[in-house]
Protein backbone atom coordinates (compact mmCIF):
# COMPACT_ATOMS: atom_id res chain seq x y z
CA UNK A 1 0.00 0.00 0.00
CA UNK A 2 1.07 3.58 -0.58
CA UNK A 3 1.34 5.95 2.32
CA UNK A 4 -1.75 7.78 1.14
CA UNK A 5 -3.73 4.52 0.95
CA UNK A 6 -2.70 3.56 4.50
CA UNK A 7 -3.73 6.93 5.93
CA UNK A 8 -7.04 7.02 4.06
CA UNK A 9 -7.97 3.46 5.01
CA UNK A 10 -7.08 3.95 8.66
CA UNK A 11 -9.04 7.19 8.82
CA UNK A 12 -12.05 5.51 7.23
CA UNK A 13 -12.14 2.36 9.37
CA UNK A 14 -10.32 3.05 12.66
CA UNK A 15 -11.47 5.13 15.61
CA UNK A 16 -8.37 6.95 16.86
CA UNK A 17 -8.06 7.44 20.61
CA UNK A 18 -8.28 10.81 22.35
CA UNK A 19 -9.26 12.62 19.15
CA UNK A 20 -12.08 14.19 17.24
CA UNK A 21 -12.13 12.01 14.15
CA UNK A 22 -12.79 14.64 11.49
CA UNK A 23 -9.68 15.87 9.71
CA UNK A 24 -7.27 13.25 11.05
CA UNK A 25 -4.36 12.45 8.77
CA UNK A 26 -2.14 9.79 10.38
CA UNK A 27 1.47 9.71 9.23
CA UNK A 28 2.03 6.37 7.43
CA UNK A 29 5.04 4.58 8.89
CA UNK A 30 7.42 2.50 6.77
CA UNK A 31 9.96 1.45 9.40
CA UNK A 32 11.52 2.38 12.73
CA UNK A 33 15.02 2.03 14.12
CA UNK A 34 16.74 3.25 17.28
CA UNK A 35 15.06 6.51 18.31
CA UNK A 36 13.75 7.20 14.81
CA UNK A 37 10.50 6.69 12.88
CA UNK A 38 10.57 6.81 9.07
CA UNK A 39 7.44 7.55 7.06
CA UNK A 40 6.64 6.11 3.65
CA UNK A 41 8.22 9.14 1.94
CA UNK A 42 11.48 8.49 3.77
CA UNK A 43 11.23 11.41 6.19
CA UNK A 44 12.87 10.78 9.57
CA UNK A 45 11.29 11.72 12.89
CA UNK A 46 13.00 11.53 16.28
CA UNK A 47 10.61 10.00 18.80
CA UNK A 48 11.02 12.43 21.69
CA UNK A 49 8.24 10.99 23.84
CA UNK A 50 9.06 7.28 23.37
CA UNK A 51 5.62 7.05 21.72
CA UNK A 52 3.50 7.04 24.89
CA UNK A 53 6.53 6.81 27.19
CA UNK A 54 6.84 3.09 26.47
CA UNK A 55 9.53 2.61 23.79
CA UNK A 56 12.31 2.72 26.37
CA UNK A 57 14.72 0.42 24.52
CA UNK A 58 14.00 2.00 21.15
CA UNK A 59 12.92 0.47 17.86
CA UNK A 60 14.19 -2.65 16.07
CA UNK A 61 15.89 -3.96 19.18
CA UNK A 62 17.40 -7.24 17.97
CA UNK A 63 17.44 -8.89 21.39
CA UNK A 64 13.68 -8.54 21.71
CA UNK A 65 12.76 -9.38 18.15
CA UNK A 66 14.93 -12.51 18.22
CA UNK A 67 13.43 -13.56 21.57
CA UNK A 68 9.92 -13.24 20.14
CA UNK A 69 10.86 -15.26 17.06
CA UNK A 70 12.45 -18.01 19.17
CA UNK A 71 9.38 -18.22 21.41
CA UNK A 72 7.14 -18.51 18.34
CA UNK A 73 9.06 -21.63 17.33
CA UNK A 74 8.03 -23.28 20.64
CA UNK A 75 4.51 -21.92 21.16
CA UNK A 76 2.89 -18.52 20.76
CA UNK A 77 0.40 -18.79 23.60
CA UNK A 78 -0.33 -20.90 26.65
CA UNK A 79 -2.73 -19.93 29.40
CA UNK A 80 -1.61 -19.03 32.91
CA UNK A 81 -2.38 -22.39 34.51
CA UNK A 82 0.41 -23.96 32.44
CA UNK A 83 4.07 -23.41 33.20
CA UNK A 84 5.77 -21.05 30.76
CA UNK A 85 9.52 -20.47 30.82
CA UNK A 86 9.47 -16.79 29.75
CA UNK A 87 6.68 -16.02 32.23
CA UNK A 88 8.58 -17.66 35.09
CA UNK A 89 11.94 -16.13 34.13
CA UNK A 90 10.55 -12.61 33.81
CA UNK A 91 8.78 -12.74 37.17
CA UNK A 92 11.94 -14.01 38.87
CA UNK A 93 14.08 -11.37 37.15
CA UNK A 94 11.77 -8.63 38.43
CA UNK A 95 11.45 -9.91 42.01
CA UNK A 96 15.18 -10.64 42.34
CA UNK A 97 16.05 -6.98 41.69
CA UNK A 98 13.61 -5.55 44.22
CA UNK A 99 13.82 -5.29 48.01
CA UNK A 100 13.38 -8.66 49.74
CA UNK A 101 9.89 -7.69 50.92
CA UNK A 102 8.44 -8.29 47.44
CA UNK A 103 7.29 -11.79 46.54
CA UNK A 104 5.23 -12.30 43.40
CA UNK A 105 4.04 -10.74 40.14
CA UNK A 106 0.57 -10.83 38.61
CA UNK A 107 0.89 -10.19 34.88
CA UNK A 108 -1.66 -8.17 32.89
CA UNK A 109 -2.01 -6.84 29.35
CA UNK A 110 -1.03 -3.25 30.10
CA UNK A 111 -1.03 -0.42 32.61
CA UNK A 112 -4.76 0.18 33.00
CA UNK A 113 -5.53 -3.43 33.90
CA UNK A 114 -2.44 -3.53 36.12
CA UNK A 115 -4.08 -0.79 38.16
CA UNK A 116 -7.47 -2.52 37.94
CA UNK A 117 -6.03 -5.72 39.41
CA UNK A 118 -3.97 -3.89 42.02
CA UNK A 119 -7.20 -2.35 43.30
CA UNK A 120 -8.88 -5.76 43.41
CA UNK A 121 -5.94 -7.30 45.25
CA UNK A 122 -5.88 -4.47 47.81
CA UNK A 123 -9.62 -4.79 48.39
CA UNK A 124 -9.45 -8.57 48.80
CA UNK A 125 -6.44 -8.37 51.10
CA UNK A 126 -7.78 -5.62 53.39
CA UNK A 127 -11.49 -6.40 53.23
CA UNK A 128 -12.12 -2.70 52.60
CA UNK A 129 -13.65 -1.02 49.55
CA UNK A 130 -12.60 2.64 49.27
CA UNK A 131 -9.66 3.63 47.08
CA UNK A 132 -8.05 7.06 47.11
CA UNK A 133 -6.09 8.64 44.26
CA UNK A 134 -5.03 12.12 43.24
CA UNK A 135 -6.76 14.67 41.04
CA UNK A 136 -3.79 15.44 38.82
CA UNK A 137 -3.30 11.82 37.78
CA UNK A 138 -3.85 9.40 34.94
CA UNK A 139 -4.09 5.68 35.68
CA UNK A 140 -5.82 4.40 32.53
CA UNK A 141 -9.19 4.63 30.81
CA UNK A 142 -10.88 1.33 31.70
CA UNK A 143 -13.65 1.67 34.26
CA UNK A 144 -11.67 1.10 37.43
CA UNK A 145 -8.45 2.76 36.28
CA UNK A 146 -10.49 5.55 34.71
CA UNK A 147 -12.16 6.23 38.04
CA UNK A 148 -8.75 6.30 39.70
CA UNK A 149 -7.80 8.96 37.15
CA UNK A 150 -8.43 12.38 38.64
CA UNK A 151 -8.08 14.74 35.67
CA UNK A 152 -10.86 15.40 33.15
CA UNK A 153 -10.31 12.22 31.16
CA UNK A 154 -12.44 10.46 33.78
CA UNK A 155 -15.53 12.53 32.92
CA UNK A 156 -16.69 10.01 30.29
CA UNK A 157 -16.96 7.40 33.07
CA UNK A 158 -19.27 9.40 35.33
CA UNK A 159 -21.26 8.78 37.42
CA UNK A 160 -18.27 7.36 39.23
CA UNK A 161 -18.05 3.96 40.87
CA UNK A 162 -18.84 4.21 44.60
CA UNK A 163 -15.75 4.16 46.77
CA UNK A 164 -13.35 6.05 44.49
CA UNK A 165 -12.10 9.17 46.28
CA UNK A 166 -9.81 11.89 44.91
CA UNK A 167 -7.50 14.18 46.84
CA UNK A 168 -5.26 17.10 45.88
CA UNK A 169 -1.64 16.40 45.11
CA UNK A 170 1.30 18.79 45.43
CA UNK A 171 1.83 20.86 42.29
CA UNK A 172 4.09 23.49 43.79
CA UNK A 173 4.70 25.50 40.63
CA UNK A 174 1.00 26.36 40.32
CA UNK A 175 0.17 26.28 44.06
CA UNK A 176 -1.36 29.57 45.26
CA UNK A 177 -0.21 28.99 48.83
CA UNK A 178 3.41 29.94 49.36
CA UNK A 179 5.61 27.60 51.35
CA UNK A 180 9.00 28.35 52.85
CA UNK A 181 10.34 24.98 51.74
CA UNK A 182 9.39 21.70 50.08
CA UNK A 183 9.27 20.12 53.54
CA UNK A 184 6.68 22.69 54.68
CA UNK A 185 4.59 21.95 51.57
CA UNK A 186 4.82 18.24 52.31
CA UNK A 187 3.57 18.77 55.87
CA UNK A 188 0.57 20.69 54.55
CA UNK A 189 -0.40 18.14 51.89
CA UNK A 190 0.10 15.13 54.14
CA UNK A 191 -1.96 16.74 56.91
CA UNK A 192 -4.75 17.34 54.39
CA UNK A 193 -4.54 13.74 53.18
CA UNK A 194 -4.59 12.32 56.71
CA UNK A 195 -7.63 14.40 57.61
CA UNK A 196 -9.43 13.24 54.47
CA UNK A 197 -8.66 9.60 55.24
CA UNK A 198 -10.17 10.05 58.71
CA UNK A 199 -13.29 11.74 57.32
CA UNK A 200 -13.71 8.98 54.74
CA UNK A 201 -13.45 6.39 57.50
CA UNK A 202 -9.93 5.05 57.70
CA UNK A 203 -11.18 1.51 58.33
CA UNK A 204 -12.92 1.65 54.93
CA UNK A 205 -9.94 2.72 52.84
CA UNK A 206 -8.22 -0.20 51.10
CA UNK A 207 -5.54 1.69 49.18
CA UNK A 208 -3.97 5.02 48.31
CA UNK A 209 -2.80 5.01 44.69
CA UNK A 210 -0.16 7.47 43.42
CA UNK A 211 1.75 7.85 40.23
CA UNK A 212 5.18 7.88 41.88
CA UNK A 213 5.96 10.78 39.56
CA UNK A 214 2.93 12.30 37.88
CA UNK A 215 3.36 11.56 34.17
CA UNK A 216 1.32 13.10 31.37
CA UNK A 217 -0.11 15.71 33.71
CA UNK A 218 3.22 17.51 33.84
CA UNK A 219 6.01 15.23 35.12
CA UNK A 220 5.39 16.56 38.61
CA UNK A 221 8.09 15.34 40.99
CA UNK A 222 6.89 15.03 44.61
CA UNK A 223 8.38 17.46 47.13
CA UNK A 224 10.87 16.24 49.70
CA UNK A 225 9.36 13.73 52.10
CA UNK A 226 5.98 13.58 50.42
CA UNK A 227 5.95 9.90 49.46
CA UNK A 228 7.33 8.98 52.89
CA UNK A 229 4.43 10.96 54.35
CA UNK A 230 1.93 8.99 52.25
CA UNK A 231 3.66 5.82 53.43
CA UNK A 232 3.27 6.95 57.07
CA UNK A 233 -0.48 7.59 56.63
CA UNK A 234 -0.89 4.16 55.05
CA UNK A 235 1.04 2.51 57.89
CA UNK A 236 -0.98 4.34 60.55
CA UNK A 237 -4.32 3.15 59.21
CA UNK A 238 -3.45 -0.21 57.63
CA UNK A 239 -3.93 1.07 54.07
CA UNK A 240 -2.13 -0.38 51.05
CA UNK A 241 0.20 2.05 49.28
CA UNK A 242 0.12 1.42 45.52
CA UNK A 243 2.74 3.12 43.35
CA UNK A 244 1.76 3.40 39.69
CA UNK A 245 5.08 3.01 37.87
CA UNK A 246 3.56 2.46 34.42
CA UNK A 247 5.35 5.50 32.95
CA UNK A 248 8.06 6.15 35.52
CA UNK A 249 9.31 2.56 35.84
CA UNK A 250 12.03 0.61 34.04
CA UNK A 251 14.89 3.10 34.37
CA UNK A 252 12.95 6.09 33.00
CA UNK A 253 14.10 8.11 36.04
CA UNK A 254 17.55 6.52 36.26
CA UNK A 255 16.34 3.83 38.67
CA UNK A 256 14.59 0.52 38.03
CA UNK A 257 11.47 2.07 39.59
CA UNK A 258 10.90 5.72 40.48
CA UNK A 259 10.07 5.01 44.14
CA UNK A 260 13.73 4.03 44.57
CA UNK A 261 14.60 7.74 44.27
CA UNK A 262 12.63 8.61 47.39
CA UNK A 263 13.63 6.14 50.13
CA UNK A 264 10.16 4.61 50.30
CA UNK A 265 8.72 1.17 49.58
CA UNK A 266 5.08 0.67 48.46
CA UNK A 267 2.97 -2.43 49.11
CA UNK A 268 2.04 -2.92 45.46
CA UNK A 269 3.86 -1.71 42.33
CA UNK A 270 2.04 -1.49 39.01
CA UNK A 271 3.99 -1.49 35.75
CA UNK A 272 3.70 -1.85 31.97
CA UNK A 273 5.20 0.09 29.02
CA UNK A 274 8.97 -0.17 29.53
CA UNK A 275 8.89 -3.73 30.89
CA UNK A 276 9.35 -4.85 27.28
CA UNK A 277 9.28 -1.45 25.56
CA UNK A 278 5.88 -2.03 24.01
CA UNK A 279 6.99 -4.81 21.65
CA UNK A 280 3.95 -6.87 22.73
CA UNK A 281 1.37 -5.60 25.28
CA UNK A 282 2.35 -6.47 28.86
CA UNK A 283 1.85 -5.08 32.34
CA UNK A 284 1.55 -6.31 35.87
CA UNK A 285 1.49 -5.70 39.58
CA UNK A 286 4.13 -6.76 42.08
CA UNK A 287 3.04 -7.51 45.63
CA UNK A 288 4.80 -7.81 48.96
CA UNK A 289 5.38 -11.22 50.51
CA UNK A 290 2.53 -10.95 53.01
CA UNK A 291 0.06 -10.15 50.25
CA UNK A 292 1.32 -13.03 48.15
CA UNK A 293 1.06 -15.35 51.18
CA UNK A 294 -2.53 -14.23 51.82
CA UNK A 295 -3.57 -15.80 48.54
CA UNK A 296 -2.01 -19.14 49.45
CA UNK A 297 -5.28 -19.92 51.22
CA UNK A 298 -7.57 -17.22 49.83
CA UNK A 299 -8.97 -17.26 46.31
CA UNK A 300 -7.31 -14.79 43.92
CA UNK A 301 -10.27 -13.47 41.96
CA UNK A 302 -8.18 -12.05 39.12
CA UNK A 303 -7.70 -13.42 35.64
CA UNK A 304 -7.11 -12.38 32.04
CA UNK A 305 -6.97 -14.55 28.94
CA UNK A 306 -3.64 -13.07 27.88
CA UNK A 307 -2.13 -12.53 31.33
CA UNK A 308 1.59 -13.24 31.10
CA UNK A 309 1.43 -13.90 27.36
CA UNK A 310 4.54 -15.96 26.47
CA UNK A 311 5.54 -13.74 23.54
CA UNK A 312 5.21 -10.61 25.68
CA UNK A 313 7.19 -12.20 28.51
CA UNK A 314 9.89 -13.44 26.12
CA UNK A 315 10.29 -9.85 24.94
CA UNK A 316 10.28 -8.77 28.60
CA UNK A 317 13.11 -11.14 29.54
CA UNK A 318 15.17 -9.89 26.59
CA UNK A 319 14.38 -6.25 27.40
CA UNK A 320 15.47 -6.62 31.03
CA UNK A 321 18.68 -8.32 29.93
CA UNK A 322 19.27 -5.45 27.47
CA UNK A 323 18.85 -2.90 30.28
CA UNK A 324 21.34 -4.69 32.50
CA UNK A 325 23.91 -5.58 29.82
CA UNK A 326 24.01 -1.98 28.54
CA UNK A 327 23.89 -0.29 31.96
CA UNK A 328 20.82 1.68 30.95
CA UNK A 329 20.52 2.88 34.55
CA UNK A 330 23.91 4.59 34.41
CA UNK A 331 23.33 5.84 30.87
CA UNK A 332 20.01 7.48 31.82
CA UNK A 333 21.61 9.18 34.82
CA UNK A 334 24.41 10.58 32.63
CA UNK A 335 22.32 11.63 29.62
CA UNK A 336 19.50 12.79 31.89
CA UNK A 337 21.86 15.26 33.55
CA UNK A 338 22.67 16.65 30.10
CA UNK A 339 18.96 16.92 29.28
CA UNK A 340 18.40 18.82 32.53
CA UNK A 341 21.09 21.34 31.58
CA UNK A 342 19.47 21.88 28.18
CA UNK A 343 16.05 22.36 29.76
CA UNK A 344 17.36 24.87 32.28
CA UNK A 345 18.90 26.77 29.36
CA UNK A 346 15.53 26.88 27.58
CA UNK A 347 13.86 28.13 30.75
CA UNK A 348 16.42 30.93 31.14
CA UNK A 349 16.15 31.92 27.48
CA UNK A 350 12.43 31.77 26.70
CA UNK A 351 9.76 33.99 28.31
CA UNK A 352 7.12 31.38 27.43
CA UNK A 353 8.81 28.67 29.52
CA UNK A 354 7.59 28.98 33.07
CA UNK A 355 9.01 25.78 34.47
CA UNK A 356 10.96 22.69 33.46
CA UNK A 357 10.75 19.48 35.47
CA UNK A 358 13.00 16.51 34.91
CA UNK A 359 14.38 13.36 36.45
CA UNK A 360 16.41 10.97 34.33
CA UNK A 361 14.88 11.06 30.84
CA UNK A 362 11.42 11.99 32.12
CA UNK A 363 10.68 15.68 31.65
CA UNK A 364 8.14 18.34 30.77
CA UNK A 365 8.30 21.96 29.64
CA UNK A 366 5.48 24.06 31.09
CA UNK A 367 4.40 27.03 28.97
CA UNK A 368 2.95 30.21 30.48
CA UNK A 369 1.57 33.55 29.35
CA UNK A 370 3.58 35.37 31.99
CA UNK A 371 6.43 34.11 34.16
CA UNK A 372 5.56 36.38 37.07
CA UNK A 373 1.91 35.32 37.34
CA UNK A 374 2.57 31.75 36.15
CA UNK A 375 -0.69 31.87 34.21
CA UNK A 376 -0.82 28.74 32.01
CA UNK A 377 -0.56 29.34 28.27
CA UNK A 378 -3.57 27.08 27.69
CA UNK A 379 -5.57 25.74 30.64
CA UNK A 380 -7.30 22.40 30.14
CA UNK A 381 -9.93 22.52 27.43
CA UNK A 382 -9.40 26.16 26.48
CA UNK A 383 -7.08 26.51 23.52
CA UNK A 384 -9.08 28.43 20.90
CA UNK A 385 -5.94 29.39 18.97
CA UNK A 386 -4.68 25.78 19.10
CA UNK A 387 -1.35 26.99 20.44
CA UNK A 388 -0.23 23.59 21.67
CA UNK A 389 -1.23 22.15 18.32
CA UNK A 390 0.95 24.81 16.70
CA UNK A 391 3.88 23.66 18.83
CA UNK A 392 3.53 19.96 17.99
CA UNK A 393 2.92 20.70 14.30
CA UNK A 394 6.04 22.87 14.01
CA UNK A 395 8.12 20.33 15.91
CA UNK A 396 6.92 17.50 13.71
CA UNK A 397 7.72 19.50 10.58
CA UNK A 398 11.30 19.58 11.87
CA UNK A 399 11.33 15.84 12.57
CA UNK A 400 10.70 16.05 16.35
CA UNK A 401 7.59 14.12 17.48
CA UNK A 402 6.09 14.30 20.93
CA UNK A 403 2.76 15.07 22.56
CA UNK A 404 1.44 17.83 24.78
CA UNK A 405 -1.05 17.83 27.62
CA UNK A 406 -2.67 20.99 28.92
CA UNK A 407 0.19 23.51 28.77
CA UNK A 408 3.07 21.04 29.00
CA UNK A 409 5.34 19.59 26.31
CA UNK A 410 6.54 16.06 27.06
CA UNK A 411 10.23 15.30 26.55
CA UNK A 412 10.82 11.63 27.33
CA UNK A 413 12.92 10.07 24.55
CA UNK A 414 13.95 6.41 24.33
CA UNK A 415 16.52 5.57 27.02
CA UNK A 416 19.13 4.74 24.37
CA UNK A 417 19.35 8.34 23.15
CA UNK A 418 22.83 9.90 23.07
CA UNK A 419 23.89 13.37 24.15
CA UNK A 420 24.59 14.28 20.52
CA UNK A 421 21.08 13.21 19.49
CA UNK A 422 19.63 15.22 22.38
CA UNK A 423 21.52 18.31 21.28
CA UNK A 424 20.26 17.92 17.71
CA UNK A 425 16.64 17.48 18.69
CA UNK A 426 16.41 19.98 21.53
CA UNK A 427 17.73 22.68 19.19
CA UNK A 428 14.49 22.15 17.26
CA UNK A 429 12.43 22.74 20.41
CA UNK A 430 14.44 25.91 21.03
CA UNK A 431 13.58 27.10 17.51
CA UNK A 432 9.87 26.32 17.82
CA UNK A 433 9.61 28.10 21.18
CA UNK A 434 11.01 31.20 19.49
CA UNK A 435 8.40 30.85 16.74
CA UNK A 436 5.63 30.56 19.33
CA UNK A 437 6.83 33.66 21.15
CA UNK A 438 6.98 35.64 17.91
CA UNK A 439 3.45 34.51 17.10
CA UNK A 440 2.21 35.70 20.51
CA UNK A 441 4.23 38.92 20.57
CA UNK A 442 6.35 38.11 23.62
């Protein structure tokens, strides 16, 4: 098929997510390699968001493709009640690299159903039914994960499921209250959370779910002590702490999981995306030993046809080996420092850049109308001039593809990116920010 035929057929027959369908014109892809996507006309695009922050190991990774091919020669699929070597090896590889308190993995098809099953496990284990999560969060769009989600993408699921409670999370850049320090902000937010738990009935709350680092809603890094404060509230009232590591996991922040940056240990970890870099859908939740032991004699009411799919797990084993063999952890820490320096330079240079937030290769550029007032360039749902669309369009024209959310530009490239590639691509962002400012008369 020609590129035009692919785009026209997809537009005619496929409903594209998170979009009004009229006027869509998907770029037809011919091949991908490393950090690059090539369309059918041969144009090269640098993937500066790792697709949806999942292509951590990049495209055409031979270790993963060969592992999938080898598994196909044995069997493509076997259900969870049968023993499967890649499923067993991947679970062991994950558990062996975590603190000793973690025991088992329940595999899922992706991040949303990882969060769905984590909720179920927490409810079964505690005997409670309420689940608390933050407003500025995204946990998936299935019914349970969508109700965990606090931002407006959960509106399509209303009226909400009983027992899902949202609370405000620290977003210090846009916080109207002024704090003397991050620690003071943490005290305020944790006190508010503790009070809300009490008012909800602490003996009814099964779990508190947090994106360890808020992802698409701005790469918001928690202030000092915040996650330890959430941990303390959970410990006080016997609540499960669930860290959603779907985006932030698998060395995205320079650690295997983001919680490892904050001297805290959750009860349940949810993951997906970078576990096998999206080569075949896979997710899961990792539980502590006492939770795993609970289900020795209590029925685990969780199950998915494709849970722990052998092809997905084979890719996962190969992906984890790739991370370790190539010291991706050290590479992300080194290249991430360089990215941070570039971002700070953009913030100093451009009046439209209010804030930059980054950890490892997980970052966002927040655009504002005025640095002093911190007024967002385009608040949620109000972008009549399509300014963020202008940014992504101009970036894509220069071969830099990413996505935006509200007034933030995501910068989260594949973890294999080099400093030279970063320099080349971030120069394009610099250029487009200047274009935006000229357009707005800054």
